Amino acid sequence: MTMQKIAVSLPGTLVSRARRAVSEGRARNVSAYVAAALEEKAKQDELGVLLQEMLAETGGPLDAGERREADRALGVSGMSPRRRRRAKGARWPG
């Protein structure tokens, strides 16, 4: 992979976190830490685009009735959205 050097401005707290990751051995250097973070963000962005395309092809997001039906099928009906997301196997956005 070809590397390019660029200059970016970051909040001090993020710089401190990156440096701490390096000192704790979780990253080779600050550049590697930032590159890994950008790679993860790019993947999330691509997944977001894919989700929007899939929703467009299938008629859009679930309406309230469809969500309730899906929650019942997954065994998570009556849970708060936060608990529903944490429930094993529940992967519905929102």
C-alpha atoms as a PDB file:
ATOM      1  CA  MET A   1       0.000   0.000   0.000  1.00  0.00           C
ATOM      2  CA  THR A   2       1.343   3.422  -0.897  1.00  0.00           C
ATOM      3  CA  MET A   3       1.540   5.738   2.098  1.00  0.00           C
ATOM      4  CA  GLN A   4       0.969   9.485   1.895  1.00  0.00           C
ATOM      5  CA  LYS A   5       1.857  11.978   4.545  1.00  0.00           C
ATOM      6  CA  ILE A   6      -0.785  14.590   5.337  1.00  0.00           C
ATOM      7  CA  ALA A   7      -1.316  17.134   8.082  1.00  0.00           C
ATOM      8  CA  VAL A   8      -4.536  17.194  10.088  1.00  0.00           C
ATOM      9  CA  SER A   9      -5.719  19.165  13.096  1.00  0.00           C
ATOM     10  CA  LEU A  10      -7.277  17.135  15.908  1.00  0.00           C
ATOM     11  CA  PRO A  11      -8.721  17.986  19.302  1.00  0.00           C
ATOM     12  CA  GLY A  12      -6.133  17.552  22.059  1.00  0.00           C
ATOM     13  CA  THR A  13      -8.186  14.851  23.761  1.00  0.00           C
ATOM     14  CA  LEU A  14      -8.069  12.666  20.647  1.00  0.00           C
ATOM     15  CA  VAL A  15      -4.333  13.171  20.299  1.00  0.00           C
ATOM     16  CA  SER A  16      -3.914  12.137  23.938  1.00  0.00           C
ATOM     17  CA  ARG A  17      -5.988   9.002  23.368  1.00  0.00           C
ATOM     18  CA  ALA A  18      -3.958   8.071  20.314  1.00  0.00           C
ATOM     19  CA  ARG A  19      -0.691   8.570  22.161  1.00  0.00           C
ATOM     20  CA  ARG A  20      -1.994   6.531  25.090  1.00  0.00           C
ATOM     21  CA  ALA A  21      -2.919   3.702  22.689  1.00  0.00           C
ATOM     22  CA  VAL A  22       0.657   3.749  21.398  1.00  0.00           C
ATOM     23  CA  SER A  23       2.188   3.787  24.889  1.00  0.00           C
ATOM     24  CA  GLU A  24      -0.073   0.882  25.921  1.00  0.00           C
ATOM     25  CA  GLY A  25       0.946  -1.118  22.865  1.00  0.00           C
ATOM     26  CA  ARG A  26      -2.452  -1.004  21.175  1.00  0.00           C
ATOM     27  CA  ALA A  27      -1.018   0.758  18.120  1.00  0.00           C
ATOM     28  CA  ARG A  28       2.422   0.887  16.458  1.00  0.00           C
ATOM     29  CA  ASN A  29       2.328   4.660  16.275  1.00  0.00           C
ATOM     30  CA  VAL A  30      -0.118   7.556  16.125  1.00  0.00           C
ATOM     31  CA  SER A  31      -0.324   7.328  12.333  1.00  0.00           C
ATOM     32  CA  ALA A  32      -1.322   3.657  12.527  1.00  0.00           C
ATOM     33  CA  TYR A  33      -3.926   4.475  15.174  1.00  0.00           C
ATOM     34  CA  VAL A  34      -5.453   7.239  13.047  1.00  0.00           C
ATOM     35  CA  ALA A  35      -5.345   5.069   9.909  1.00  0.00           C
ATOM     36  CA  ALA A  36      -7.208   2.271  11.732  1.00  0.00           C
ATOM     37  CA  ALA A  37      -9.847   4.742  12.928  1.00  0.00           C
ATOM     38  CA  LEU A  38     -10.323   6.133   9.412  1.00  0.00           C
ATOM     39  CA  GLU A  39     -10.587   2.611   7.989  1.00  0.00           C
ATOM     40  CA  GLU A  40     -13.312   1.755  10.516  1.00  0.00           C
ATOM     41  CA  LYS A  41     -15.208   4.965   9.733  1.00  0.00           C
ATOM     42  CA  ALA A  42     -15.004   4.260   6.001  1.00  0.00           C
ATOM     43  CA  LYS A  43     -16.445   0.748   6.580  1.00  0.00           C
ATOM     44  CA  GLN A  44     -19.304   2.174   8.640  1.00  0.00           C
ATOM     45  CA  ASP A  45     -20.049   4.730   5.933  1.00  0.00           C
ATOM     46  CA  GLU A  46     -20.098   2.006   3.269  1.00  0.00           C
ATOM     47  CA  LEU A  47     -22.417  -0.140   5.395  1.00  0.00           C
ATOM     48  CA  GLY A  48     -24.706   2.858   5.851  1.00  0.00           C
ATOM     49  CA  VAL A  49     -24.935   3.313   2.089  1.00  0.00           C
ATOM     50  CA  LEU A  50     -25.609  -0.409   1.634  1.00  0.00           C
ATOM     51  CA  LEU A  51     -28.367  -0.317   4.254  1.00  0.00           C
ATOM     52  CA  GLN A  52     -30.023   2.646   2.528  1.00  0.00           C
ATOM     53  CA  GLU A  53     -29.865   0.826  -0.824  1.00  0.00           C
ATOM     54  CA  MET A  54     -31.358  -2.319   0.708  1.00  0.00           C
ATOM     55  CA  LEU A  55     -34.141  -0.335   2.377  1.00  0.00           C
ATOM     56  CA  ALA A  56     -34.918   1.411  -0.922  1.00  0.00           C
ATOM     57  CA  GLU A  57     -35.164  -1.950  -2.683  1.00  0.00           C
ATOM     58  CA  THR A  58     -37.419  -3.468  -0.010  1.00  0.00           C
ATOM     59  CA  GLY A  59     -39.833  -0.592   0.498  1.00  0.00           C
ATOM     60  CA  GLY A  60     -38.078   1.399   3.190  1.00  0.00           C
ATOM     61  CA  PRO A  61     -37.619   1.031   6.919  1.00  0.00           C
ATOM     62  CA  LEU A  62     -40.006  -1.013   9.011  1.00  0.00           C
ATOM     63  CA  ASP A  63     -43.173   0.740  10.096  1.00  0.00           C
ATOM     64  CA  ALA A  64     -44.294   0.470  13.728  1.00  0.00           C
ATOM     65  CA  GLY A  65     -46.425  -2.645  13.090  1.00  0.00           C
ATOM     66  CA  GLU A  66     -43.652  -4.419  11.187  1.00  0.00           C
ATOM     67  CA  ARG A  67     -41.197  -3.570  13.959  1.00  0.00           C
ATOM     68  CA  ARG A  68     -43.541  -4.993  16.622  1.00  0.00           C
ATOM     69  CA  GLU A  69     -43.965  -8.167  14.552  1.00  0.00           C
ATOM     70  CA  ALA A  70     -40.206  -8.496  14.088  1.00  0.00           C
ATOM     71  CA  ASP A  71     -39.640  -7.887  17.810  1.00  0.00           C
ATOM     72  CA  ARG A  72     -42.146 -10.631  18.667  1.00  0.00           C
ATOM     73  CA  ALA A  73     -40.449 -13.013  16.228  1.00  0.00           C
ATOM     74  CA  LEU A  74     -37.060 -12.241  17.808  1.00  0.00           C
ATOM     75  CA  GLY A  75     -38.437 -12.557  21.330  1.00  0.00           C
ATOM     76  CA  VAL A  76     -37.623  -8.978  22.256  1.00  0.00           C
ATOM     77  CA  SER A  77     -41.104  -7.400  22.344  1.00  0.00           C
ATOM     78  CA  GLY A  78     -41.670  -5.012  25.231  1.00  0.00           C
ATOM     79  CA  MET A  79     -37.982  -4.146  25.525  1.00  0.00           C
ATOM     80  CA  SER A  80     -36.649  -0.638  25.307  1.00  0.00           C
ATOM     81  CA  PRO A  81     -34.785   0.111  22.058  1.00  0.00           C
ATOM     82  CA  ARG A  82     -31.463   0.051  23.972  1.00  0.00           C
ATOM     83  CA  ARG A  83     -32.178  -3.369  25.536  1.00  0.00           C
ATOM     84  CA  ARG A  84     -33.525  -4.632  22.191  1.00  0.00           C
ATOM     85  CA  ARG A  85     -30.222  -3.735  20.481  1.00  0.00           C
ATOM     86  CA  ARG A  86     -28.314  -5.553  23.191  1.00  0.00           C
ATOM     87  CA  ALA A  87     -30.488  -8.662  23.032  1.00  0.00           C
ATOM     88  CA  LYS A  88     -28.783 -11.609  21.409  1.00  0.00           C
ATOM     89  CA  GLY A  89     -29.674 -11.791  17.752  1.00  0.00           C
ATOM     90  CA  ALA A  90     -31.534  -8.470  17.669  1.00  0.00           C
ATOM     91  CA  ARG A  91     -30.026  -6.287  14.983  1.00  0.00           C
ATOM     92  CA  TRP A  92     -32.848  -3.896  14.108  1.00  0.00           C
ATOM     93  CA  PRO A  93     -31.716  -0.278  13.787  1.00  0.00           C
ATOM     94  CA  GLY A  94     -33.323   2.193  16.217  1.00  0.00           C
END
